[in-house]
Each structure stands twice: as C-alpha cells, then as structure tokens.
Amino acid sequence: MIRSELVTRIAAQNPHLYAKDVEAVVNAILDKMTDALVYGCRVELRDFGTFAIRDRKARTGRNPLSGQVVAVAAKRVIHFKPGKTMRARLNLKPEDQECEADRLLRAS
C-alpha cells in the first residue's frame, strides 16, 4: 500500500472528512515519525511494531560485475520489529486468512 492508497481508504471510511484533510494528517504523522528516527528515538506503534535506528560499520564489499573491492561507508539504517499482534496475524494459516477483496465483495 502506498501513501495515496492509505489516504483514499481512510477518507472512504470517514466520509465526514475531506481527502485533503486526511492527507494532511497522514503526512503529519509520518513526518513526526521520521523526525523521531532522525534524532535517534525509537517509534512504537502498539500492536503494529517498532521502528529503530541501527548503525552499520564501514566495511569492504565487492562490485558484483567487476569483482573489484569497494569501500562501503558506515551508515544508519531503519530496523522494524513487528509487534505480537502483527506477527500473529501474519502467521495465520492460509485457510484462516480472508482475502481483502473477498471481504469487500461480501460487505457490498
């Protein structure tokens, strides 16, 4: 799902809100999450998961085409750890999972 799909779905579920207002709220939330990660804070969304920053050390790698040794600089990367509820939903048996399209067809 991309940001515009998220905005569209939230706006559809809340007809009393304008799509541009929903987009502003979604952008504000994502901006605050990004700011927190940039400053090294951990972001936790209950039942969804946590985002944290991890440092990777500098290392040497290889160019896969030429085989030449390349220096890879140290960097910070985002690490996501799913929450307990998310893991439980992801690990349901396939026959227990309901396709979203099927659910939407039954609802209409």
PDB file of N, CA and C in Angstrom:
ATOM      1  N   MET A   1       0.849  -1.166   0.000  1.00  0.00           N
ATOM      2  CA  MET A   1       0.000   0.000   0.000  1.00  0.00           C
ATOM      3  C   MET A   1       0.897   1.232   0.000  1.00  0.00           C
ATOM      4  N   ILE A   2       0.547   2.173  -0.840  1.00  0.00           N
ATOM      5  CA  ILE A   2       1.299   3.416  -0.901  1.00  0.00           C
ATOM      6  C   ILE A   2       0.515   4.514  -0.186  1.00  0.00           C
ATOM      7  N   ARG A   3       1.169   5.633   0.043  1.00  0.00           N
ATOM      8  CA  ARG A   3       0.581   6.710   0.831  1.00  0.00           C
ATOM      9  C   ARG A   3      -0.764   7.164   0.278  1.00  0.00           C
ATOM     10  N   SER A   4      -0.866   7.321  -1.045  1.00  0.00           N
ATOM     11  CA  SER A   4      -2.126   7.796  -1.633  1.00  0.00           C
ATOM     12  C   SER A   4      -3.258   6.788  -1.427  1.00  0.00           C
ATOM     13  N   GLU A   5      -2.943   5.483  -1.467  1.00  0.00           N
ATOM     14  CA  GLU A   5      -3.964   4.461  -1.196  1.00  0.00           C
ATOM     15  C   GLU A   5      -4.423   4.537   0.257  1.00  0.00           C
ATOM     16  N   LEU A   6      -3.494   4.760   1.162  1.00  0.00           N
ATOM     17  CA  LEU A   6      -3.833   4.892   2.577  1.00  0.00           C
ATOM     18  C   LEU A   6      -4.775   6.070   2.793  1.00  0.00           C
ATOM     19  N   VAL A   7      -4.456   7.207   2.180  1.00  0.00           N
ATOM     20  CA  VAL A   7      -5.292   8.401   2.303  1.00  0.00           C
ATOM     21  C   VAL A   7      -6.681   8.121   1.735  1.00  0.00           C
ATOM     22  N   THR A   8      -6.744   7.482   0.581  1.00  0.00           N
ATOM     23  CA  THR A   8      -8.028   7.173  -0.062  1.00  0.00           C
ATOM     24  C   THR A   8      -8.872   6.253   0.804  1.00  0.00           C
ATOM     25  N   ARG A   9      -8.261   5.232   1.385  1.00  0.00           N
ATOM     26  CA  ARG A   9      -9.021   4.293   2.224  1.00  0.00           C
ATOM     27  C   ARG A   9      -9.538   4.953   3.502  1.00  0.00           C
ATOM     28  N   ILE A  10      -8.702   5.756   4.129  1.00  0.00           N
ATOM     29  CA  ILE A  10      -9.138   6.437   5.355  1.00  0.00           C
ATOM     30  C   ILE A  10     -10.264   7.413   5.036  1.00  0.00           C
ATOM     31  N   ALA A  11     -10.138   8.139   3.926  1.00  0.00           N
ATOM     32  CA  ALA A  11     -11.183   9.082   3.524  1.00  0.00           C
ATOM     33  C   ALA A  11     -12.480   8.351   3.206  1.00  0.00           C
ATOM     34  N   ALA A  12     -12.392   7.173   2.592  1.00  0.00           N
ATOM     35  CA  ALA A  12     -13.594   6.387   2.260  1.00  0.00           C
ATOM     36  C   ALA A  12     -14.272   5.869   3.533  1.00  0.00           C
ATOM     37  N   GLN A  13     -13.491   5.515   4.537  1.00  0.00           N
ATOM     38  CA  GLN A  13     -14.047   5.004   5.790  1.00  0.00           C
ATOM     39  C   GLN A  13     -14.605   6.124   6.666  1.00  0.00           C
ATOM     40  N   ASN A  14     -14.216   7.362   6.380  1.00  0.00           N
ATOM     41  CA  ASN A  14     -14.659   8.516   7.157  1.00  0.00           C
ATOM     42  C   ASN A  14     -15.210   9.581   6.212  1.00  0.00           C
ATOM     43  N   PRO A  15     -16.436   9.385   5.723  1.00  0.00           N
ATOM     44  CA  PRO A  15     -16.971  10.315   4.718  1.00  0.00           C
ATOM     45  C   PRO A  15     -17.145  11.746   5.227  1.00  0.00           C
ATOM     46  N   HIS A  16     -17.121  11.944   6.525  1.00  0.00           N
ATOM     47  CA  HIS A  16     -17.238  13.297   7.072  1.00  0.00           C
ATOM     48  C   HIS A  16     -15.931  14.084   6.979  1.00  0.00           C
ATOM     49  N   LEU A  17     -14.847  13.434   6.571  1.00  0.00           N
ATOM     50  CA  LEU A  17     -13.548  14.099   6.425  1.00  0.00           C
ATOM     51  C   LEU A  17     -13.220  14.289   4.945  1.00  0.00           C
ATOM     52  N   TYR A  18     -12.609  15.413   4.630  1.00  0.00           N
ATOM     53  CA  TYR A  18     -12.147  15.666   3.268  1.00  0.00           C
ATOM     54  C   TYR A  18     -10.834  14.924   3.042  1.00  0.00           C
ATOM     55  N   ALA A  19     -10.625  14.479   1.805  1.00  0.00           N
ATOM     56  CA  ALA A  19      -9.405  13.746   1.469  1.00  0.00           C
ATOM     57  C   ALA A  19      -8.154  14.589   1.736  1.00  0.00           C
ATOM     58  N   LYS A  20      -8.215  15.891   1.467  1.00  0.00           N
ATOM     59  CA  LYS A  20      -7.034  16.727   1.695  1.00  0.00           C
ATOM     60  C   LYS A  20      -6.717  16.860   3.185  1.00  0.00           C
ATOM     61  N   ASP A  21      -7.754  16.819   4.044  1.00  0.00           N
ATOM     62  CA  ASP A  21      -7.514  16.849   5.484  1.00  0.00           C
ATOM     63  C   ASP A  21      -6.895  15.538   5.962  1.00  0.00           C
ATOM     64  N   VAL A  22      -7.385  14.423   5.420  1.00  0.00           N
ATOM     65  CA  VAL A  22      -6.824  13.108   5.758  1.00  0.00           C
ATOM     66  C   VAL A  22      -5.369  13.052   5.311  1.00  0.00           C
ATOM     67  N   GLU A  23      -5.094  13.572   4.118  1.00  0.00           N
ATOM     68  CA  GLU A  23      -3.721  13.576   3.613  1.00  0.00           C
ATOM     69  C   GLU A  23      -2.812  14.404   4.518  1.00  0.00           C
ATOM     70  N   ALA A  24      -3.303  15.530   5.004  1.00  0.00           N
ATOM     71  CA  ALA A  24      -2.512  16.369   5.908  1.00  0.00           C
ATOM     72  C   ALA A  24      -2.207  15.636   7.206  1.00  0.00           C
ATOM     73  N   VAL A  25      -3.172  14.905   7.745  1.00  0.00           N
ATOM     74  CA  VAL A  25      -2.972  14.153   8.984  1.00  0.00           C
ATOM     75  C   VAL A  25      -1.965  13.023   8.768  1.00  0.00           C
ATOM     76  N   VAL A  26      -2.127  12.277   7.677  1.00  0.00           N
ATOM     77  CA  VAL A  26      -1.201  11.173   7.385  1.00  0.00           C
ATOM     78  C   VAL A  26       0.215  11.719   7.216  1.00  0.00           C
ATOM     79  N   ASN A  27       0.359  12.806   6.470  1.00  0.00           N
ATOM     80  CA  ASN A  27       1.684  13.402   6.272  1.00  0.00           C
ATOM     81  C   ASN A  27       2.279  13.890   7.589  1.00  0.00           C
ATOM     82  N   ALA A  28       1.466  14.476   8.453  1.00  0.00           N
ATOM     83  CA  ALA A  28       1.953  14.956   9.744  1.00  0.00           C
ATOM     84  C   ALA A  28       2.459  13.798  10.603  1.00  0.00           C
ATOM     85  N   ILE A  29       1.711  12.712  10.628  1.00  0.00           N
ATOM     86  CA  ILE A  29       2.121  11.538  11.417  1.00  0.00           C
ATOM     87  C   ILE A  29       3.434  10.973  10.889  1.00  0.00           C
ATOM     88  N   LEU A  30       3.522  10.785   9.583  1.00  0.00           N
ATOM     89  CA  LEU A  30       4.742  10.220   9.003  1.00  0.00           C
ATOM     90  C   LEU A  30       5.935  11.161   9.178  1.00  0.00           C
ATOM     91  N   ASP A  31       5.704  12.470   9.087  1.00  0.00           N
ATOM     92  CA  ASP A  31       6.783  13.435   9.305  1.00  0.00           C
ATOM     93  C   ASP A  31       7.301  13.370  10.744  1.00  0.00           C
ATOM     94  N   LYS A  32       6.394  13.264  11.711  1.00  0.00           N
ATOM     95  CA  LYS A  32       6.816  13.185  13.119  1.00  0.00           C
ATOM     96  C   LYS A  32       7.571  11.882  13.384  1.00  0.00           C
ATOM     97  N   MET A  33       7.125  10.788  12.769  1.00  0.00           N
ATOM     98  CA  MET A  33       7.844   9.525  12.918  1.00  0.00           C
ATOM     99  C   MET A  33       9.251   9.647  12.333  1.00  0.00           C
ATOM    100  N   THR A  34       9.362  10.266  11.161  1.00  0.00           N
ATOM    101  CA  THR A  34      10.662  10.454  10.519  1.00  0.00           C
ATOM    102  C   THR A  34      11.568  11.326  11.377  1.00  0.00           C
ATOM    103  N   ASP A  35      11.020  12.427  11.905  1.00  0.00           N
ATOM    104  CA  ASP A  35      11.813  13.308  12.770  1.00  0.00           C
ATOM    105  C   ASP A  35      12.336  12.560  13.986  1.00  0.00           C
ATOM    106  N   ALA A  36      11.494  11.757  14.597  1.00  0.00           N
ATOM    107  CA  ALA A  36      11.915  10.995  15.776  1.00  0.00           C
ATOM    108  C   ALA A  36      13.048  10.040  15.422  1.00  0.00           C
ATOM    109  N   LEU A  37      12.951   9.363  14.293  1.00  0.00           N
ATOM    110  CA  LEU A  37      14.006   8.432  13.882  1.00  0.00           C
ATOM    111  C   LEU A  37      15.301   9.167  13.556  1.00  0.00           C
ATOM    112  N   VAL A  38      15.201  10.327  12.919  1.00  0.00           N
ATOM    113  CA  VAL A  38      16.390  11.105  12.593  1.00  0.00           C
ATOM    114  C   VAL A  38      17.147  11.486  13.864  1.00  0.00           C
ATOM    115  N   TYR A  39      16.422  11.818  14.924  1.00  0.00           N
ATOM    116  CA  TYR A  39      17.057  12.197  16.187  1.00  0.00           C
ATOM    117  C   TYR A  39      17.436  10.995  17.047  1.00  0.00           C
ATOM    118  N   GLY A  40      17.264   9.792  16.528  1.00  0.00           N
ATOM    119  CA  GLY A  40      17.701   8.596  17.227  1.00  0.00           C
ATOM    120  C   GLY A  40      16.683   7.994  18.173  1.00  0.00           C
ATOM    121  N   CYS A  41      15.471   8.508  18.178  1.00  0.00           N
ATOM    122  CA  CYS A  41      14.427   7.958  19.048  1.00  0.00           C
ATOM    123  C   CYS A  41      13.808   6.711  18.414  1.00  0.00           C
ATOM    124  N   ARG A  42      13.226   5.909  19.242  1.00  0.00           N
ATOM    125  CA  ARG A  42      12.529   4.708  18.818  1.00  0.00           C
ATOM    126  C   ARG A  42      11.052   5.068  18.654  1.00  0.00           C
ATOM    127  N   VAL A  43      10.401   4.542  17.601  1.00  0.00           N
ATOM    128  CA  VAL A  43       8.980   4.799  17.369  1.00  0.00           C
ATOM    129  C   VAL A  43       8.236   3.483  17.542  1.00  0.00           C
ATOM    130  N   GLU A  44       7.265   3.481  18.460  1.00  0.00           N
ATOM    131  CA  GLU A  44       6.498   2.272  18.739  1.00  0.00           C
ATOM    132  C   GLU A  44       5.030   2.525  18.443  1.00  0.00           C
ATOM    133  N   LEU A  45       4.450   1.661  17.624  1.00  0.00           N
ATOM    134  CA  LEU A  45       3.018   1.687  17.339  1.00  0.00           C
ATOM    135  C   LEU A  45       2.449   0.391  17.909  1.00  0.00           C
ATOM    136  N   ARG A  46       1.703   0.501  18.987  1.00  0.00           N
ATOM    137  CA  ARG A  46       1.182  -0.681  19.676  1.00  0.00           C
ATOM    138  C   ARG A  46       0.441  -1.597  18.722  1.00  0.00           C
ATOM    139  N   ASP A  47       0.645  -2.880  18.883  1.00  0.00           N
ATOM    140  CA  ASP A  47       0.045  -3.948  18.083  1.00  0.00           C
ATOM    141  C   ASP A  47       0.523  -3.955  16.638  1.00  0.00           C
ATOM    142  N   PHE A  48       1.334  -2.993  16.232  1.00  0.00           N
ATOM    143  CA  PHE A  48       1.871  -2.976  14.868  1.00  0.00           C
ATOM    144  C   PHE A  48       3.347  -3.324  14.893  1.00  0.00           C
ATOM    145  N   GLY A  49       4.154  -2.518  15.591  1.00  0.00           N
ATOM    146  CA  GLY A  49       5.569  -2.810  15.674  1.00  0.00           C
ATOM    147  C   GLY A  49       6.369  -1.594  16.085  1.00  0.00           C
ATOM    148  N   THR A  50       7.708  -1.754  16.084  1.00  0.00           N
ATOM    149  CA  THR A  50       8.592  -0.667  16.461  1.00  0.00           C
ATOM    150  C   THR A  50       9.598  -0.409  15.352  1.00  0.00           C
ATOM    151  N   PHE A  51       9.938   0.868  15.186  1.00  0.00           N
ATOM    152  CA  PHE A  51      10.969   1.285  14.260  1.00  0.00           C
ATOM    153  C   PHE A  51      12.119   1.827  15.097  1.00  0.00           C
ATOM    154  N   ALA A  52      13.333   1.441  14.746  1.00  0.00           N
ATOM    155  CA  ALA A  52      14.504   1.919  15.474  1.00  0.00           C
ATOM    156  C   ALA A  52      15.645   2.104  14.483  1.00  0.00           C
ATOM    157  N   ILE A  53      16.644   2.874  14.887  1.00  0.00           N
ATOM    158  CA  ILE A  53      17.815   3.121  14.048  1.00  0.00           C
ATOM    159  C   ILE A  53      18.954   2.225  14.530  1.00  0.00           C
ATOM    160  N   ARG A  54      19.626   1.617  13.594  1.00  0.00           N
ATOM    161  CA  ARG A  54      20.812   0.812  13.898  1.00  0.00           C
ATOM    162  C   ARG A  54      21.980   1.348  13.090  1.00  0.00           C
ATOM    163  N   ASP A  55      23.154   1.294  13.677  1.00  0.00           N
ATOM    164  CA  ASP A  55      24.364   1.755  12.997  1.00  0.00           C
ATOM    165  C   ASP A  55      25.062   0.571  12.349  1.00  0.00           C
ATOM    166  N   ARG A  56      25.453   0.756  11.101  1.00  0.00           N
ATOM    167  CA  ARG A  56      26.249  -0.254  10.403  1.00  0.00           C
ATOM    168  C   ARG A  56      27.673   0.266  10.283  1.00  0.00           C
ATOM    169  N   LYS A  57      28.628  -0.586  10.554  1.00  0.00           N
ATOM    170  CA  LYS A  57      30.030  -0.209  10.480  1.00  0.00           C
ATOM    171  C   LYS A  57      30.484  -0.127   9.016  1.00  0.00           C
ATOM    172  N   ALA A  58      31.558   0.610   8.808  1.00  0.00           N
ATOM    173  CA  ALA A  58      32.173   0.649   7.483  1.00  0.00           C
ATOM    174  C   ALA A  58      32.749  -0.734   7.184  1.00  0.00           C
ATOM    175  N   ARG A  59      32.748  -1.095   5.924  1.00  0.00           N
ATOM    176  CA  ARG A  59      33.254  -2.412   5.552  1.00  0.00           C
ATOM    177  C   ARG A  59      33.747  -2.371   4.115  1.00  0.00           C
ATOM    178  N   THR A  60      34.337  -3.468   3.691  1.00  0.00           N
ATOM    179  CA  THR A  60      34.715  -3.580   2.289  1.00  0.00           C
ATOM    180  C   THR A  60      33.759  -4.550   1.628  1.00  0.00           C
ATOM    181  N   GLY A  61      33.364  -4.209   0.421  1.00  0.00           N
ATOM    182  CA  GLY A  61      32.468  -5.067  -0.342  1.00  0.00           C
ATOM    183  C   GLY A  61      33.067  -5.330  -1.709  1.00  0.00           C
ATOM    184  N   ARG A  62      32.314  -5.974  -2.553  1.00  0.00           N
ATOM    185  CA  ARG A  62      32.780  -6.264  -3.903  1.00  0.00           C
ATOM    186  C   ARG A  62      31.742  -5.815  -4.915  1.00  0.00           C
ATOM    187  N   ASN A  63      32.215  -5.253  -6.000  1.00  0.00           N
ATOM    188  CA  ASN A  63      31.344  -4.912  -7.114  1.00  0.00           C
ATOM    189  C   ASN A  63      30.969  -6.239  -7.793  1.00  0.00           C
ATOM    190  N   PRO A  64      29.678  -6.587  -7.873  1.00  0.00           N
ATOM    191  CA  PRO A  64      29.307  -7.894  -8.422  1.00  0.00           C
ATOM    192  C   PRO A  64      29.633  -8.046  -9.909  1.00  0.00           C
ATOM    193  N   LEU A  65      29.728  -6.949 -10.636  1.00  0.00           N
ATOM    194  CA  LEU A  65      30.042  -7.060 -12.067  1.00  0.00           C
ATOM    195  C   LEU A  65      31.533  -7.247 -12.319  1.00  0.00           C
ATOM    196  N   SER A  66      32.342  -6.423 -11.656  1.00  0.00           N
ATOM    197  CA  SER A  66      33.778  -6.465 -11.935  1.00  0.00           C
ATOM    198  C   SER A  66      34.566  -7.263 -10.907  1.00  0.00           C
ATOM    199  N   GLY A  67      33.980  -7.491  -9.729  1.00  0.00           N
ATOM    200  CA  GLY A  67      34.704  -8.192  -8.672  1.00  0.00           C
ATOM    201  C   GLY A  67      35.673  -7.283  -7.930  1.00  0.00           C
ATOM    202  N   GLN A  68      35.698  -6.013  -8.283  1.00  0.00           N
ATOM    203  CA  GLN A  68      36.607  -5.050  -7.659  1.00  0.00           C
ATOM    204  C   GLN A  68      36.188  -4.779  -6.212  1.00  0.00           C
ATOM    205  N   VAL A  69      37.181  -4.636  -5.327  1.00  0.00           N
ATOM    206  CA  VAL A  69      36.925  -4.338  -3.921  1.00  0.00           C
ATOM    207  C   VAL A  69      36.492  -2.875  -3.814  1.00  0.00           C
ATOM    208  N   VAL A  70      35.405  -2.656  -3.061  1.00  0.00           N
ATOM    209  CA  VAL A  70      34.845  -1.315  -2.898  1.00  0.00           C
ATOM    210  C   VAL A  70      34.676  -1.034  -1.411  1.00  0.00           C
ATOM    211  N   ALA A  71      35.008   0.198  -0.998  1.00  0.00           N
ATOM    212  CA  ALA A  71      34.821   0.594   0.394  1.00  0.00           C
ATOM    213  C   ALA A  71      33.364   1.030   0.580  1.00  0.00           C
ATOM    214  N   VAL A  72      32.687   0.448   1.565  1.00  0.00           N
ATOM    215  CA  VAL A  72      31.311   0.819   1.886  1.00  0.00           C
ATOM    216  C   VAL A  72      31.348   1.604   3.191  1.00  0.00           C
ATOM    217  N   ALA A  73      30.842   2.819   3.150  1.00  0.00           N
ATOM    218  CA  ALA A  73      30.903   3.714   4.315  1.00  0.00           C
ATOM    219  C   ALA A  73      29.946   3.253   5.417  1.00  0.00           C
ATOM    220  N   ALA A  74      30.226   3.711   6.624  1.00  0.00           N
ATOM    221  CA  ALA A  74      29.323   3.452   7.746  1.00  0.00           C
ATOM    222  C   ALA A  74      28.025   4.204   7.499  1.00  0.00           C
ATOM    223  N   LYS A  75      26.931   3.646   7.983  1.00  0.00           N
ATOM    224  CA  LYS A  75      25.643   4.318   7.787  1.00  0.00           C
ATOM    225  C   LYS A  75      24.654   3.885   8.850  1.00  0.00           C
ATOM    226  N   ARG A  76      23.549   4.646   8.922  1.00  0.00           N
ATOM    227  CA  ARG A  76      22.452   4.327   9.829  1.00  0.00           C
ATOM    228  C   ARG A  76      21.319   3.735   8.998  1.00  0.00           C
ATOM    229  N   VAL A  77      20.690   2.683   9.510  1.00  0.00           N
ATOM    230  CA  VAL A  77      19.588   2.044   8.801  1.00  0.00           C
ATOM    231  C   VAL A  77      18.390   1.893   9.744  1.00  0.00           C
ATOM    232  N   ILE A  78      17.209   1.836   9.153  1.00  0.00           N
ATOM    233  CA  ILE A  78      15.991   1.653   9.947  1.00  0.00           C
ATOM    234  C   ILE A  78      15.747   0.165  10.121  1.00  0.00           C
ATOM    235  N   HIS A  79      15.439  -0.212  11.342  1.00  0.00           N
ATOM    236  CA  HIS A  79      15.106  -1.600  11.660  1.00  0.00           C
ATOM    237  C   HIS A  79      13.660  -1.634  12.144  1.00  0.00           C
ATOM    238  N   PHE A  80      12.862  -2.563  11.596  1.00  0.00           N
ATOM    239  CA  PHE A  80      11.465  -2.723  12.006  1.00  0.00           C
ATOM    240  C   PHE A  80      11.298  -4.066  12.681  1.00  0.00           C
ATOM    241  N   LYS A  81      10.660  -4.057  13.833  1.00  0.00           N
ATOM    242  CA  LYS A  81      10.344  -5.298  14.530  1.00  0.00           C
ATOM    243  C   LYS A  81       8.830  -5.340  14.696  1.00  0.00           C
ATOM    244  N   PRO A  82       8.166  -6.327  14.076  1.00  0.00           N
ATOM    245  CA  PRO A  82       6.705  -6.392  14.190  1.00  0.00           C
ATOM    246  C   PRO A  82       6.268  -6.702  15.613  1.00  0.00           C
ATOM    247  N   GLY A  83       5.100  -6.173  15.990  1.00  0.00           N
ATOM    248  CA  GLY A  83       4.532  -6.419  17.302  1.00  0.00           C
ATOM    249  C   GLY A  83       3.906  -7.805  17.382  1.00  0.00           C
ATOM    250  N   LYS A  84       3.530  -8.186  18.582  1.00  0.00           N
ATOM    251  CA  LYS A  84       2.965  -9.511  18.824  1.00  0.00           C
ATOM    252  C   LYS A  84       1.699  -9.743  18.010  1.00  0.00           C
ATOM    253  N   THR A  85       0.810  -8.762  17.970  1.00  0.00           N
ATOM    254  CA  THR A  85      -0.440  -8.899  17.216  1.00  0.00           C
ATOM    255  C   THR A  85      -0.164  -9.019  15.727  1.00  0.00           C
ATOM    256  N   MET A  86       0.772  -8.224  15.219  1.00  0.00           N
ATOM    257  CA  MET A  86       1.133  -8.278  13.796  1.00  0.00           C
ATOM    258  C   MET A  86       1.697  -9.649  13.438  1.00  0.00           C
ATOM    259  N   ARG A  87       2.592 -10.170  14.268  1.00  0.00           N
ATOM    260  CA  ARG A  87       3.167 -11.492  13.998  1.00  0.00           C
ATOM    261  C   ARG A  87       2.085 -12.563  13.993  1.00  0.00           C
ATOM    262  N   ALA A  88       1.141 -12.465  14.923  1.00  0.00           N
ATOM    263  CA  ALA A  88       0.065 -13.462  14.988  1.00  0.00           C
ATOM    264  C   ALA A  88      -0.790 -13.410  13.724  1.00  0.00           C
ATOM    265  N   ARG A  89      -1.099 -12.215  13.244  1.00  0.00           N
ATOM    266  CA  ARG A  89      -1.911 -12.088  12.027  1.00  0.00           C
ATOM    267  C   ARG A  89      -1.155 -12.576  10.800  1.00  0.00           C
ATOM    268  N   LEU A  90       0.153 -12.324  10.752  1.00  0.00           N
ATOM    269  CA  LEU A  90       0.950 -12.753   9.606  1.00  0.00           C
ATOM    270  C   LEU A  90       1.109 -14.262   9.550  1.00  0.00           C
ATOM    271  N   ASN A  91       1.059 -14.916  10.695  1.00  0.00           N
ATOM    272  CA  ASN A  91       1.307 -16.348  10.747  1.00  0.00           C
ATOM    273  C   ASN A  91       0.044 -17.190  10.801  1.00  0.00           C
ATOM    274  N   LEU A  92      -1.097 -16.612  10.450  1.00  0.00           N
ATOM    275  CA  LEU A  92      -2.322 -17.405  10.359  1.00  0.00           C
ATOM    276  C   LEU A  92      -2.189 -18.407   9.226  1.00  0.00           C
ATOM    277  N   LYS A  93      -2.890 -19.518   9.347  1.00  0.00           N
ATOM    278  CA  LYS A  93      -2.902 -20.496   8.266  1.00  0.00           C
ATOM    279  C   LYS A  93      -3.584 -19.872   7.053  1.00  0.00           C
ATOM    280  N   PRO A  94      -3.152 -20.224   5.848  1.00  0.00           N
ATOM    281  CA  PRO A  94      -3.755 -19.624   4.652  1.00  0.00           C
ATOM    282  C   PRO A  94      -5.277 -19.788   4.587  1.00  0.00           C
ATOM    283  N   GLU A  95      -5.791 -20.904   5.066  1.00  0.00           N
ATOM    284  CA  GLU A  95      -7.247 -21.102   5.011  1.00  0.00           C
ATOM    285  C   GLU A  95      -7.977 -20.228   6.033  1.00  0.00           C
ATOM    286  N   ASP A  96      -7.251 -19.745   7.063  1.00  0.00           N
ATOM    287  CA  ASP A  96      -7.851 -18.859   8.058  1.00  0.00           C
ATOM    288  C   ASP A  96      -7.820 -17.400   7.628  1.00  0.00           C
ATOM    289  N   GLN A  97      -6.956 -17.087   6.657  1.00  0.00           N
ATOM    290  CA  GLN A  97      -6.850 -15.708   6.197  1.00  0.00           C
ATOM    291  C   GLN A  97      -7.945 -15.415   5.199  1.00  0.00           C
ATOM    292  N   GLU A  98      -8.452 -14.221   5.271  1.00  0.00           N
ATOM    293  CA  GLU A  98      -9.507 -13.812   4.362  1.00  0.00           C
ATOM    294  C   GLU A  98      -8.953 -12.746   3.432  1.00  0.00           C
ATOM    295  N   CYS A  99      -9.086 -12.973   2.163  1.00  0.00           N
ATOM    296  CA  CYS A  99      -8.614 -12.012   1.180  1.00  0.00           C
ATOM    297  C   CYS A  99      -9.444 -10.734   1.305  1.00  0.00           C
ATOM    298  N   GLU A 100      -8.774  -9.601   1.271  1.00  0.00           N
ATOM    299  CA  GLU A 100      -9.469  -8.326   1.440  1.00  0.00           C
ATOM    300  C   GLU A 100     -10.504  -8.104   0.344  1.00  0.00           C
ATOM    301  N   ALA A 101     -10.187  -8.509  -0.869  1.00  0.00           N
ATOM    302  CA  ALA A 101     -11.137  -8.335  -1.968  1.00  0.00           C
ATOM    303  C   ALA A 101     -12.405  -9.147  -1.715  1.00  0.00           C
ATOM    304  N   ASP A 102     -12.267 -10.375  -1.219  1.00  0.00           N
ATOM    305  CA  ASP A 102     -13.444 -11.199  -0.915  1.00  0.00           C
ATOM    306  C   ASP A 102     -14.277 -10.574   0.188  1.00  0.00           C
ATOM    307  N   ARG A 103     -13.604 -10.036   1.200  1.00  0.00           N
ATOM    308  CA  ARG A 103     -14.313  -9.404   2.305  1.00  0.00           C
ATOM    309  C   ARG A 103     -15.083  -8.183   1.835  1.00  0.00           C
ATOM    310  N   LEU A 104     -14.473  -7.398   0.967  1.00  0.00           N
ATOM    311  CA  LEU A 104     -15.141  -6.203   0.453  1.00  0.00           C
ATOM    312  C   LEU A 104     -16.337  -6.565  -0.435  1.00  0.00           C
ATOM    313  N   LEU A 105     -16.211  -7.646  -1.199  1.00  0.00           N
ATOM    314  CA  LEU A 105     -17.330  -8.070  -2.044  1.00  0.00           C
ATOM    315  C   LEU A 105     -18.521  -8.525  -1.193  1.00  0.00           C
ATOM    316  N   ARG A 106     -18.231  -9.241  -0.113  1.00  0.00           N
ATOM    317  CA  ARG A 106     -19.312  -9.698   0.766  1.00  0.00           C
ATOM    318  C   ARG A 106     -19.991  -8.544   1.480  1.00  0.00           C
ATOM    319  N   ALA A 107     -19.223  -7.497   1.784  1.00  0.00           N
ATOM    320  CA  ALA A 107     -19.765  -6.348   2.514  1.00  0.00           C
ATOM    321  C   ALA A 107     -20.694  -5.510   1.656  1.00  0.00           C
ATOM    322  N   SER A 108     -20.523  -5.552   0.340  1.00  0.00           N
ATOM    323  CA  SER A 108     -21.369  -4.716  -0.531  1.00  0.00           C
ATOM    324  C   SER A 108     -22.642  -5.396  -0.967  1.00  0.00           C
TER     325      SER A 108
END
